[in-house]
mmCIF file of all heavy atoms, coordinates in Angstrom:
data_MODEL
# 
_entry.id   MODEL 
# 
loop_
_atom_site.group_PDB 
_atom_site.id 
_atom_site.type_symbol 
_atom_site.label_atom_id 
_atom_site.label_alt_id 
_atom_site.label_comp_id 
_atom_site.label_asym_id 
_atom_site.label_entity_id 
_atom_site.label_seq_id 
_atom_site.pdbx_PDB_ins_code 
_atom_site.Cartn_x 
_atom_site.Cartn_y 
_atom_site.Cartn_z 
_atom_site.occupancy 
_atom_site.B_iso_or_equiv 
_atom_site.pdbx_formal_charge 
_atom_site.auth_seq_id 
_atom_site.auth_comp_id 
_atom_site.auth_asym_id 
_atom_site.auth_atom_id 
_atom_site.pdbx_PDB_model_num 
ATOM 1   N N   . TRP A 1 1  ? 94.191  96.814  112.573 1.00 0.00 ? 1  TRP A N   1 
ATOM 2   C CA  . TRP A 1 1  ? 93.167  97.308  113.455 1.00 0.00 ? 1  TRP A CA  1 
ATOM 3   C C   . TRP A 1 1  ? 93.750  97.227  114.867 1.00 0.00 ? 1  TRP A C   1 
ATOM 4   O O   . TRP A 1 1  ? 93.894  96.129  115.395 1.00 0.00 ? 1  TRP A O   1 
ATOM 5   C CB  . TRP A 1 1  ? 91.899  96.433  113.405 1.00 0.00 ? 1  TRP A CB  1 
ATOM 6   C CG  . TRP A 1 1  ? 91.258  96.396  111.967 1.00 0.00 ? 1  TRP A CG  1 
ATOM 7   C CD1 . TRP A 1 1  ? 91.295  95.314  111.168 1.00 0.00 ? 1  TRP A CD1 1 
ATOM 8   C CD2 . TRP A 1 1  ? 90.604  97.513  111.313 1.00 0.00 ? 1  TRP A CD2 1 
ATOM 9   N NE1 . TRP A 1 1  ? 90.647  95.702  109.980 1.00 0.00 ? 1  TRP A NE1 1 
ATOM 10  C CE2 . TRP A 1 1  ? 90.232  96.954  110.029 1.00 0.00 ? 1  TRP A CE2 1 
ATOM 11  C CE3 . TRP A 1 1  ? 90.285  98.752  111.670 1.00 0.00 ? 1  TRP A CE3 1 
ATOM 12  C CZ2 . TRP A 1 1  ? 89.547  97.756  109.150 1.00 0.00 ? 1  TRP A CZ2 1 
ATOM 13  C CZ3 . TRP A 1 1  ? 89.587  99.554  110.729 1.00 0.00 ? 1  TRP A CZ3 1 
ATOM 14  C CH2 . TRP A 1 1  ? 89.269  99.010  109.509 1.00 0.00 ? 1  TRP A CH2 1 
ATOM 15  N N   . ASN A 1 2  ? 94.089  98.342  115.372 1.00 0.00 ? 2  ASN A N   1 
ATOM 16  C CA  . ASN A 1 2  ? 94.661  98.455  116.740 1.00 0.00 ? 2  ASN A CA  1 
ATOM 17  C C   . ASN A 1 2  ? 93.541  98.786  117.710 1.00 0.00 ? 2  ASN A C   1 
ATOM 18  O O   . ASN A 1 2  ? 93.239  99.977  117.932 1.00 0.00 ? 2  ASN A O   1 
ATOM 19  C CB  . ASN A 1 2  ? 95.758  99.492  116.765 1.00 0.00 ? 2  ASN A CB  1 
ATOM 20  C CG  . ASN A 1 2  ? 96.407  99.611  118.164 1.00 0.00 ? 2  ASN A CG  1 
ATOM 21  O OD1 . ASN A 1 2  ? 96.225  98.794  118.990 1.00 0.00 ? 2  ASN A OD1 1 
ATOM 22  N ND2 . ASN A 1 2  ? 97.071  100.728 118.368 1.00 0.00 ? 2  ASN A ND2 1 
ATOM 23  N N   . THR A 1 3  ? 92.885  97.752  118.226 1.00 0.00 ? 3  THR A N   1 
ATOM 24  C CA  . THR A 1 3  ? 91.672  97.947  119.099 1.00 0.00 ? 3  THR A CA  1 
ATOM 25  C C   . THR A 1 3  ? 92.143  98.397  120.528 1.00 0.00 ? 3  THR A C   1 
ATOM 26  O O   . THR A 1 3  ? 92.996  97.683  121.130 1.00 0.00 ? 3  THR A O   1 
ATOM 27  C CB  . THR A 1 3  ? 90.891  96.678  119.197 1.00 0.00 ? 3  THR A CB  1 
ATOM 28  O OG1 . THR A 1 3  ? 90.437  96.305  117.942 1.00 0.00 ? 3  THR A OG1 1 
ATOM 29  C CG2 . THR A 1 3  ? 89.644  96.928  120.046 1.00 0.00 ? 3  THR A CG2 1 
ATOM 30  N N   . LEU A 1 4  ? 91.645  99.481  120.963 1.00 0.00 ? 4  LEU A N   1 
ATOM 31  C CA  . LEU A 1 4  ? 92.041  100.035 122.254 1.00 0.00 ? 4  LEU A CA  1 
ATOM 32  C C   . LEU A 1 4  ? 90.904  99.812  123.273 1.00 0.00 ? 4  LEU A C   1 
ATOM 33  O O   . LEU A 1 4  ? 91.152  99.729  124.510 1.00 0.00 ? 4  LEU A O   1 
ATOM 34  C CB  . LEU A 1 4  ? 92.340  101.503 122.147 1.00 0.00 ? 4  LEU A CB  1 
ATOM 35  C CG  . LEU A 1 4  ? 93.454  101.877 121.195 1.00 0.00 ? 4  LEU A CG  1 
ATOM 36  C CD1 . LEU A 1 4  ? 93.592  103.392 121.066 1.00 0.00 ? 4  LEU A CD1 1 
ATOM 37  C CD2 . LEU A 1 4  ? 94.779  101.279 121.613 1.00 0.00 ? 4  LEU A CD2 1 
ATOM 38  N N   . ARG A 1 5  ? 89.646  99.799  122.828 1.00 0.00 ? 5  ARG A N   1 
ATOM 39  C CA  . ARG A 1 5  ? 88.496  99.627  123.736 1.00 0.00 ? 5  ARG A CA  1 
ATOM 40  C C   . ARG A 1 5  ? 87.496  98.726  123.074 1.00 0.00 ? 5  ARG A C   1 
ATOM 41  O O   . ARG A 1 5  ? 87.335  98.749  121.841 1.00 0.00 ? 5  ARG A O   1 
ATOM 42  C CB  . ARG A 1 5  ? 87.845  100.992 123.993 1.00 0.00 ? 5  ARG A CB  1 
ATOM 43  C CG  . ARG A 1 5  ? 88.670  101.984 124.790 1.00 0.00 ? 5  ARG A CG  1 
ATOM 44  C CD  . ARG A 1 5  ? 88.040  103.328 124.913 1.00 0.00 ? 5  ARG A CD  1 
ATOM 45  N NE  . ARG A 1 5  ? 87.989  103.962 123.572 1.00 0.00 ? 5  ARG A NE  1 
ATOM 46  C CZ  . ARG A 1 5  ? 88.992  104.636 123.060 1.00 0.00 ? 5  ARG A CZ  1 
ATOM 47  N NH1 . ARG A 1 5  ? 90.172  104.777 123.677 1.00 0.00 ? 5  ARG A NH1 1 
ATOM 48  N NH2 . ARG A 1 5  ? 88.871  105.210 121.826 1.00 0.00 ? 5  ARG A NH2 1 
ATOM 49  N N   . PRO A 1 6  ? 86.847  97.826  123.812 1.00 0.00 ? 6  PRO A N   1 
ATOM 50  C CA  . PRO A 1 6  ? 86.894  97.652  125.256 1.00 0.00 ? 6  PRO A CA  1 
ATOM 51  C C   . PRO A 1 6  ? 88.100  96.790  125.744 1.00 0.00 ? 6  PRO A C   1 
ATOM 52  O O   . PRO A 1 6  ? 88.449  96.843  126.892 1.00 0.00 ? 6  PRO A O   1 
ATOM 53  C CB  . PRO A 1 6  ? 85.581  96.944  125.629 1.00 0.00 ? 6  PRO A CB  1 
ATOM 54  C CG  . PRO A 1 6  ? 85.367  96.123  124.401 1.00 0.00 ? 6  PRO A CG  1 
ATOM 55  C CD  . PRO A 1 6  ? 85.785  96.987  123.251 1.00 0.00 ? 6  PRO A CD  1 
ATOM 56  N N   . VAL A 1 7  ? 88.722  96.030  124.843 1.00 0.00 ? 7  VAL A N   1 
ATOM 57  C CA  . VAL A 1 7  ? 89.833  95.149  125.211 1.00 0.00 ? 7  VAL A CA  1 
ATOM 58  C C   . VAL A 1 7  ? 90.913  95.399  124.218 1.00 0.00 ? 7  VAL A C   1 
ATOM 59  O O   . VAL A 1 7  ? 90.669  95.419  122.978 1.00 0.00 ? 7  VAL A O   1 
ATOM 60  C CB  . VAL A 1 7  ? 89.421  93.655  125.182 1.00 0.00 ? 7  VAL A CB  1 
ATOM 61  C CG1 . VAL A 1 7  ? 90.658  92.811  125.507 1.00 0.00 ? 7  VAL A CG1 1 
ATOM 62  C CG2 . VAL A 1 7  ? 88.329  93.396  126.148 1.00 0.00 ? 7  VAL A CG2 1 
ATOM 63  N N   . ARG A 1 8  ? 92.139  95.609  124.637 1.00 0.00 ? 8  ARG A N   1 
ATOM 64  C CA  . ARG A 1 8  ? 93.283  95.933  123.814 1.00 0.00 ? 8  ARG A CA  1 
ATOM 65  C C   . ARG A 1 8  ? 93.678  94.671  123.004 1.00 0.00 ? 8  ARG A C   1 
ATOM 66  O O   . ARG A 1 8  ? 93.882  93.608  123.553 1.00 0.00 ? 8  ARG A O   1 
ATOM 67  C CB  . ARG A 1 8  ? 94.482  96.367  124.606 1.00 0.00 ? 8  ARG A CB  1 
ATOM 68  C CG  . ARG A 1 8  ? 95.728  96.735  123.729 1.00 0.00 ? 8  ARG A CG  1 
ATOM 69  C CD  . ARG A 1 8  ? 95.538  97.942  122.935 1.00 0.00 ? 8  ARG A CD  1 
ATOM 70  N NE  . ARG A 1 8  ? 96.498  98.152  121.944 1.00 0.00 ? 8  ARG A NE  1 
ATOM 71  C CZ  . ARG A 1 8  ? 97.696  98.757  122.114 1.00 0.00 ? 8  ARG A CZ  1 
ATOM 72  N NH1 . ARG A 1 8  ? 98.074  99.191  123.371 1.00 0.00 ? 8  ARG A NH1 1 
ATOM 73  N NH2 . ARG A 1 8  ? 98.573  98.906  121.158 1.00 0.00 ? 8  ARG A NH2 1 
ATOM 74  N N   . SER A 1 9  ? 93.761  94.856  121.666 1.00 0.00 ? 9  SER A N   1 
ATOM 75  C CA  . SER A 1 9  ? 94.280  93.785  120.759 1.00 0.00 ? 9  SER A CA  1 
ATOM 76  C C   . SER A 1 9  ? 94.654  94.393  119.461 1.00 0.00 ? 9  SER A C   1 
ATOM 77  O O   . SER A 1 9  ? 94.214  95.499  119.123 1.00 0.00 ? 9  SER A O   1 
ATOM 78  C CB  . SER A 1 9  ? 93.194  92.660  120.540 1.00 0.00 ? 9  SER A CB  1 
ATOM 79  O OG  . SER A 1 9  ? 92.072  93.213  119.844 1.00 0.00 ? 9  SER A OG  1 
ATOM 80  N N   . ILE A 1 10 ? 95.452  93.713  118.671 1.00 0.00 ? 10 ILE A N   1 
ATOM 81  C CA  . ILE A 1 10 ? 95.879  94.197  117.371 1.00 0.00 ? 10 ILE A CA  1 
ATOM 82  C C   . ILE A 1 10 ? 95.704  93.066  116.356 1.00 0.00 ? 10 ILE A C   1 
ATOM 83  O O   . ILE A 1 10 ? 96.090  91.961  116.569 1.00 0.00 ? 10 ILE A O   1 
ATOM 84  C CB  . ILE A 1 10 ? 97.362  94.623  117.359 1.00 0.00 ? 10 ILE A CB  1 
ATOM 85  C CG1 . ILE A 1 10 ? 97.605  95.708  118.419 1.00 0.00 ? 10 ILE A CG1 1 
ATOM 86  C CG2 . ILE A 1 10 ? 97.764  95.136  115.987 1.00 0.00 ? 10 ILE A CG2 1 
ATOM 87  C CD1 . ILE A 1 10 ? 99.084  95.996  118.660 1.00 0.00 ? 10 ILE A CD1 1 
ATOM 88  N N   . SER A 1 11 ? 94.994  93.396  115.304 1.00 0.00 ? 11 SER A N   1 
ATOM 89  C CA  . SER A 1 11 ? 94.793  92.390  114.197 1.00 0.00 ? 11 SER A CA  1 
ATOM 90  C C   . SER A 1 11 ? 95.420  93.009  112.874 1.00 0.00 ? 11 SER A C   1 
ATOM 91  O O   . SER A 1 11 ? 95.086  94.110  112.492 1.00 0.00 ? 11 SER A O   1 
ATOM 92  C CB  . SER A 1 11 ? 93.295  92.176  113.924 1.00 0.00 ? 11 SER A CB  1 
ATOM 93  O OG  . SER A 1 11 ? 92.678  91.637  115.045 1.00 0.00 ? 11 SER A OG  1 
ATOM 94  N N   . THR A 1 12 ? 96.347  92.250  112.351 1.00 0.00 ? 12 THR A N   1 
ATOM 95  C CA  . THR A 1 12 ? 96.963  92.655  111.094 1.00 0.00 ? 12 THR A CA  1 
ATOM 96  C C   . THR A 1 12 ? 96.573  91.658  110.028 1.00 0.00 ? 12 THR A C   1 
ATOM 97  O O   . THR A 1 12 ? 96.721  90.474  110.207 1.00 0.00 ? 12 THR A O   1 
ATOM 98  C CB  . THR A 1 12 ? 98.515  92.709  111.227 1.00 0.00 ? 12 THR A CB  1 
ATOM 99  O OG1 . THR A 1 12 ? 98.913  93.539  112.283 1.00 0.00 ? 12 THR A OG1 1 
ATOM 100 C CG2 . THR A 1 12 ? 99.153  93.155  109.965 1.00 0.00 ? 12 THR A CG2 1 
ATOM 101 N N   . ILE A 1 13 ? 96.027  92.170  108.942 1.00 0.00 ? 13 ILE A N   1 
ATOM 102 C CA  . ILE A 1 13 ? 95.517  91.319  107.856 1.00 0.00 ? 13 ILE A CA  1 
ATOM 103 C C   . ILE A 1 13 ? 96.271  91.577  106.561 1.00 0.00 ? 13 ILE A C   1 
ATOM 104 O O   . ILE A 1 13 ? 96.261  92.765  106.102 1.00 0.00 ? 13 ILE A O   1 
ATOM 105 C CB  . ILE A 1 13 ? 94.037  91.399  107.658 1.00 0.00 ? 13 ILE A CB  1 
ATOM 106 C CG1 . ILE A 1 13 ? 93.256  91.090  108.907 1.00 0.00 ? 13 ILE A CG1 1 
ATOM 107 C CG2 . ILE A 1 13 ? 93.568  90.519  106.546 1.00 0.00 ? 13 ILE A CG2 1 
ATOM 108 C CD1 . ILE A 1 13 ? 92.864  92.273  109.788 1.00 0.00 ? 13 ILE A CD1 1 
ATOM 109 N N   . THR A 1 14 ? 96.920  90.570  106.008 1.00 0.00 ? 14 THR A N   1 
ATOM 110 C CA  . THR A 1 14 ? 97.505  90.728  104.719 1.00 0.00 ? 14 THR A CA  1 
ATOM 111 C C   . THR A 1 14 ? 96.865  89.691  103.797 1.00 0.00 ? 14 THR A C   1 
ATOM 112 O O   . THR A 1 14 ? 95.948  89.002  104.228 1.00 0.00 ? 14 THR A O   1 
ATOM 113 C CB  . THR A 1 14 ? 99.061  90.490  104.756 1.00 0.00 ? 14 THR A CB  1 
ATOM 114 O OG1 . THR A 1 14 ? 99.273  89.040  104.949 1.00 0.00 ? 14 THR A OG1 1 
ATOM 115 C CG2 . THR A 1 14 ? 99.749  91.283  105.854 1.00 0.00 ? 14 THR A CG2 1 
ATOM 116 N N   . ASP A 1 15 ? 97.274  89.616  102.562 1.00 0.00 ? 15 ASP A N   1 
ATOM 117 C CA  . ASP A 1 15 ? 96.645  88.645  101.667 1.00 0.00 ? 15 ASP A CA  1 
ATOM 118 C C   . ASP A 1 15 ? 97.197  87.271  101.903 1.00 0.00 ? 15 ASP A C   1 
ATOM 119 O O   . ASP A 1 15 ? 96.734  86.297  101.255 1.00 0.00 ? 15 ASP A O   1 
ATOM 120 C CB  . ASP A 1 15 ? 96.784  89.075  100.186 1.00 0.00 ? 15 ASP A CB  1 
ATOM 121 C CG  . ASP A 1 15 ? 98.229  89.199  99.782  1.00 0.00 ? 15 ASP A CG  1 
ATOM 122 O OD1 . ASP A 1 15 ? 99.145  89.066  100.660 1.00 0.00 ? 15 ASP A OD1 1 
ATOM 123 O OD2 . ASP A 1 15 ? 98.493  89.467  98.599  1.00 0.00 ? 15 ASP A OD2 1 
ATOM 124 N N   . ARG A 1 16 ? 98.164  87.073  102.800 1.00 0.00 ? 16 ARG A N   1 
ATOM 125 C CA  . ARG A 1 16 ? 98.681  85.768  103.041 1.00 0.00 ? 16 ARG A CA  1 
ATOM 126 C C   . ARG A 1 16 ? 98.718  85.349  104.577 1.00 0.00 ? 16 ARG A C   1 
ATOM 127 O O   . ARG A 1 16 ? 98.913  84.167  104.849 1.00 0.00 ? 16 ARG A O   1 
ATOM 128 C CB  . ARG A 1 16 ? 100.138 85.602  102.515 1.00 0.00 ? 16 ARG A CB  1 
ATOM 129 C CG  . ARG A 1 16 ? 100.156 85.638  100.936 1.00 0.00 ? 16 ARG A CG  1 
ATOM 130 C CD  . ARG A 1 16 ? 99.518  84.343  100.393 1.00 0.00 ? 16 ARG A CD  1 
ATOM 131 N NE  . ARG A 1 16 ? 99.475  84.313  99.010  1.00 0.00 ? 16 ARG A NE  1 
ATOM 132 C CZ  . ARG A 1 16 ? 98.355  84.663  98.311  1.00 0.00 ? 16 ARG A CZ  1 
ATOM 133 N NH1 . ARG A 1 16 ? 97.222  85.006  98.891  1.00 0.00 ? 16 ARG A NH1 1 
ATOM 134 N NH2 . ARG A 1 16 ? 98.362  84.588  96.977  1.00 0.00 ? 16 ARG A NH2 1 
ATOM 135 N N   . GLN A 1 17 ? 98.503  86.322  105.471 1.00 0.00 ? 17 GLN A N   1 
ATOM 136 C CA  . GLN A 1 17 ? 98.609  86.060  106.859 1.00 0.00 ? 17 GLN A CA  1 
ATOM 137 C C   . GLN A 1 17 ? 97.639  86.912  107.681 1.00 0.00 ? 17 GLN A C   1 
ATOM 138 O O   . GLN A 1 17 ? 97.275  87.983  107.275 1.00 0.00 ? 17 GLN A O   1 
ATOM 139 C CB  . GLN A 1 17 ? 100.001 86.299  107.458 1.00 0.00 ? 17 GLN A CB  1 
ATOM 140 C CG  . GLN A 1 17 ? 101.052 85.224  107.047 1.00 0.00 ? 17 GLN A CG  1 
ATOM 141 C CD  . GLN A 1 17 ? 102.386 85.522  107.712 1.00 0.00 ? 17 GLN A CD  1 
ATOM 142 O OE1 . GLN A 1 17 ? 102.752 86.642  107.925 1.00 0.00 ? 17 GLN A OE1 1 
ATOM 143 N NE2 . GLN A 1 17 ? 103.086 84.484  108.174 1.00 0.00 ? 17 GLN A NE2 1 
ATOM 144 N N   . ILE A 1 18 ? 97.203  86.349  108.833 1.00 0.00 ? 18 ILE A N   1 
ATOM 145 C CA  . ILE A 1 18 ? 96.566  87.168  109.850 1.00 0.00 ? 18 ILE A CA  1 
ATOM 146 C C   . ILE A 1 18 ? 97.413  87.095  111.040 1.00 0.00 ? 18 ILE A C   1 
ATOM 147 O O   . ILE A 1 18 ? 97.819  86.007  111.548 1.00 0.00 ? 18 ILE A O   1 
ATOM 148 C CB  . ILE A 1 18 ? 95.157  86.599  110.232 1.00 0.00 ? 18 ILE A CB  1 
ATOM 149 C CG1 . ILE A 1 18 ? 94.255  86.612  108.985 1.00 0.00 ? 18 ILE A CG1 1 
ATOM 150 C CG2 . ILE A 1 18 ? 94.558  87.393  111.372 1.00 0.00 ? 18 ILE A CG2 1 
ATOM 151 C CD1 . ILE A 1 18 ? 92.927  85.898  109.261 1.00 0.00 ? 18 ILE A CD1 1 
ATOM 152 N N   . ILE A 1 19 ? 97.848  88.243  111.609 1.00 0.00 ? 19 ILE A N   1 
ATOM 153 C CA  . ILE A 1 19 ? 98.719  88.356  112.702 1.00 0.00 ? 19 ILE A CA  1 
ATOM 154 C C   . ILE A 1 19 ? 97.912  88.935  113.912 1.00 0.00 ? 19 ILE A C   1 
ATOM 155 O O   . ILE A 1 19 ? 97.443  90.085  113.789 1.00 0.00 ? 19 ILE A O   1 
ATOM 156 C CB  . ILE A 1 19 ? 99.938  89.227  112.474 1.00 0.00 ? 19 ILE A CB  1 
ATOM 157 C CG1 . ILE A 1 19 ? 100.734 88.705  111.188 1.00 0.00 ? 19 ILE A CG1 1 
ATOM 158 C CG2 . ILE A 1 19 ? 100.890 89.242  113.683 1.00 0.00 ? 19 ILE A CG2 1 
ATOM 159 C CD1 . ILE A 1 19 ? 101.781 89.711  110.752 1.00 0.00 ? 19 ILE A CD1 1 
ATOM 160 N N   . LEU A 1 20 ? 97.785  88.216  114.938 1.00 0.00 ? 20 LEU A N   1 
ATOM 161 C CA  . LEU A 1 20 ? 96.969  88.615  116.134 1.00 0.00 ? 20 LEU A CA  1 
ATOM 162 C C   . LEU A 1 20 ? 97.893  88.913  117.258 1.00 0.00 ? 20 LEU A C   1 
ATOM 163 O O   . LEU A 1 20 ? 98.704  88.023  117.587 1.00 0.00 ? 20 LEU A O   1 
ATOM 164 C CB  . LEU A 1 20 ? 95.908  87.607  116.524 1.00 0.00 ? 20 LEU A CB  1 
ATOM 165 C CG  . LEU A 1 20 ? 94.915  87.188  115.445 1.00 0.00 ? 20 LEU A CG  1 
ATOM 166 C CD1 . LEU A 1 20 ? 93.996  86.085  115.921 1.00 0.00 ? 20 LEU A CD1 1 
ATOM 167 C CD2 . LEU A 1 20 ? 94.124  88.420  114.939 1.00 0.00 ? 20 LEU A CD2 1 
ATOM 168 N N   . THR A 1 21 ? 97.900  90.134  117.862 1.00 0.00 ? 21 THR A N   1 
ATOM 169 C CA  . THR A 1 21 ? 98.719  90.475  118.954 1.00 0.00 ? 21 THR A CA  1 
ATOM 170 C C   . THR A 1 21 ? 97.877  90.827  120.141 1.00 0.00 ? 21 THR A C   1 
ATOM 171 O O   . THR A 1 21 ? 97.002  91.641  120.105 1.00 0.00 ? 21 THR A O   1 
ATOM 172 C CB  . THR A 1 21 ? 99.580  91.698  118.579 1.00 0.00 ? 21 THR A CB  1 
ATOM 173 O OG1 . THR A 1 21 ? 100.302 91.417  117.331 1.00 0.00 ? 21 THR A OG1 1 
ATOM 174 C CG2 . THR A 1 21 ? 100.635 91.967  119.682 1.00 0.00 ? 21 THR A CG2 1 
ATOM 175 N N   . ASN A 1 22 ? 98.108  90.079  121.246 1.00 0.00 ? 22 ASN A N   1 
ATOM 176 C CA  . ASN A 1 22 ? 97.314  90.366  122.486 1.00 0.00 ? 22 ASN A CA  1 
ATOM 177 C C   . ASN A 1 22 ? 97.844  91.521  123.308 1.00 0.00 ? 22 ASN A C   1 
ATOM 178 O O   . ASN A 1 22 ? 98.827  92.071  122.936 1.00 0.00 ? 22 ASN A O   1 
ATOM 179 C CB  . ASN A 1 22 ? 97.112  89.073  123.262 1.00 0.00 ? 22 ASN A CB  1 
ATOM 180 C CG  . ASN A 1 22 ? 98.391  88.501  123.818 1.00 0.00 ? 22 ASN A CG  1 
ATOM 181 O OD1 . ASN A 1 22 ? 99.425  89.214  123.933 1.00 0.00 ? 22 ASN A OD1 1 
ATOM 182 N ND2 . ASN A 1 22 ? 98.435  87.250  124.211 1.00 0.00 ? 22 ASN A ND2 1 
ATOM 183 N N   . SER A 1 23 ? 97.234  91.706  124.413 1.00 0.00 ? 23 SER A N   1 
ATOM 184 C CA  . SER A 1 23 ? 97.567  92.908  125.231 1.00 0.00 ? 23 SER A CA  1 
ATOM 185 C C   . SER A 1 23 ? 98.957  92.880  125.819 1.00 0.00 ? 23 SER A C   1 
ATOM 186 O O   . SER A 1 23 ? 99.564  93.931  126.092 1.00 0.00 ? 23 SER A O   1 
ATOM 187 C CB  . SER A 1 23 ? 96.568  93.109  126.300 1.00 0.00 ? 23 SER A CB  1 
ATOM 188 O OG  . SER A 1 23 ? 96.496  91.958  127.152 1.00 0.00 ? 23 SER A OG  1 
ATOM 189 N N   . ASP A 1 24 ? 99.537  91.682  125.952 1.00 0.00 ? 24 ASP A N   1 
ATOM 190 C CA  . ASP A 1 24 ? 100.906 91.589  126.483 1.00 0.00 ? 24 ASP A CA  1 
ATOM 191 C C   . ASP A 1 24 ? 101.945 91.429  125.425 1.00 0.00 ? 24 ASP A C   1 
ATOM 192 O O   . ASP A 1 24 ? 103.141 91.192  125.712 1.00 0.00 ? 24 ASP A O   1 
ATOM 193 C CB  . ASP A 1 24 ? 100.999 90.456  127.499 1.00 0.00 ? 24 ASP A CB  1 
ATOM 194 C CG  . ASP A 1 24 ? 100.810 89.079  126.873 1.00 0.00 ? 24 ASP A CG  1 
ATOM 195 O OD1 . ASP A 1 24 ? 100.675 89.017  125.645 1.00 0.00 ? 24 ASP A OD1 1 
ATOM 196 O OD2 . ASP A 1 24 ? 100.739 88.104  127.617 1.00 0.00 ? 24 ASP A OD2 1 
ATOM 197 N N   . GLY A 1 25 ? 101.555 91.635  124.151 1.00 0.00 ? 25 GLY A N   1 
ATOM 198 C CA  . GLY A 1 25 ? 102.562 91.673  123.043 1.00 0.00 ? 25 GLY A CA  1 
ATOM 199 C C   . GLY A 1 25 ? 102.837 90.361  122.365 1.00 0.00 ? 25 GLY A C   1 
ATOM 200 O O   . GLY A 1 25 ? 103.553 90.312  121.373 1.00 0.00 ? 25 GLY A O   1 
ATOM 201 N N   . ARG A 1 26 ? 102.213 89.248  122.888 1.00 0.00 ? 26 ARG A N   1 
ATOM 202 C CA  . ARG A 1 26 ? 102.360 87.966  122.223 1.00 0.00 ? 26 ARG A CA  1 
ATOM 203 C C   . ARG A 1 26 ? 101.612 87.884  120.899 1.00 0.00 ? 26 ARG A C   1 
ATOM 204 O O   . ARG A 1 26 ? 100.464 88.305  120.829 1.00 0.00 ? 26 ARG A O   1 
ATOM 205 C CB  . ARG A 1 26 ? 101.956 86.825  123.199 1.00 0.00 ? 26 ARG A CB  1 
ATOM 206 C CG  . ARG A 1 26 ? 102.925 86.613  124.345 1.00 0.00 ? 26 ARG A CG  1 
ATOM 207 C CD  . ARG A 1 26 ? 102.446 85.475  125.247 1.00 0.00 ? 26 ARG A CD  1 
ATOM 208 N NE  . ARG A 1 26 ? 101.129 85.750  125.827 1.00 0.00 ? 26 ARG A NE  1 
ATOM 209 C CZ  . ARG A 1 26 ? 100.468 84.871  126.515 1.00 0.00 ? 26 ARG A CZ  1 
ATOM 210 N NH1 . ARG A 1 26 ? 100.937 83.671  126.711 1.00 0.00 ? 26 ARG A NH1 1 
ATOM 211 N NH2 . ARG A 1 26 ? 99.262  85.195  127.043 1.00 0.00 ? 26 ARG A NH2 1 
ATOM 212 N N   . LYS A 1 27 ? 102.284 87.274  119.908 1.00 0.00 ? 27 LYS A N   1 
ATOM 213 C CA  . LYS A 1 27 ? 101.683 87.254  118.611 1.00 0.00 ? 27 LYS A CA  1 
ATOM 214 C C   . LYS A 1 27 ? 101.331 85.772  118.252 1.00 0.00 ? 27 LYS A C   1 
ATOM 215 O O   . LYS A 1 27 ? 102.004 84.861  118.613 1.00 0.00 ? 27 LYS A O   1 
ATOM 216 C CB  . LYS A 1 27 ? 102.617 87.752  117.493 1.00 0.00 ? 27 LYS A CB  1 
ATOM 217 C CG  . LYS A 1 27 ? 102.850 89.236  117.558 1.00 0.00 ? 27 LYS A CG  1 
ATOM 218 C CD  . LYS A 1 27 ? 103.694 89.746  116.446 1.00 0.00 ? 27 LYS A CD  1 
ATOM 219 C CE  . LYS A 1 27 ? 103.881 91.247  116.450 1.00 0.00 ? 27 LYS A CE  1 
ATOM 220 N NZ  . LYS A 1 27 ? 104.699 91.736  115.290 1.00 0.00 ? 27 LYS A NZ  1 
# 
């Protein structure tokens, strides 16, 4: 889920991990 609005963030969900990426690229 690459959220663009209202706040930029990326959530990646697999069956073993959740990867959260903030607006400056830190995971």
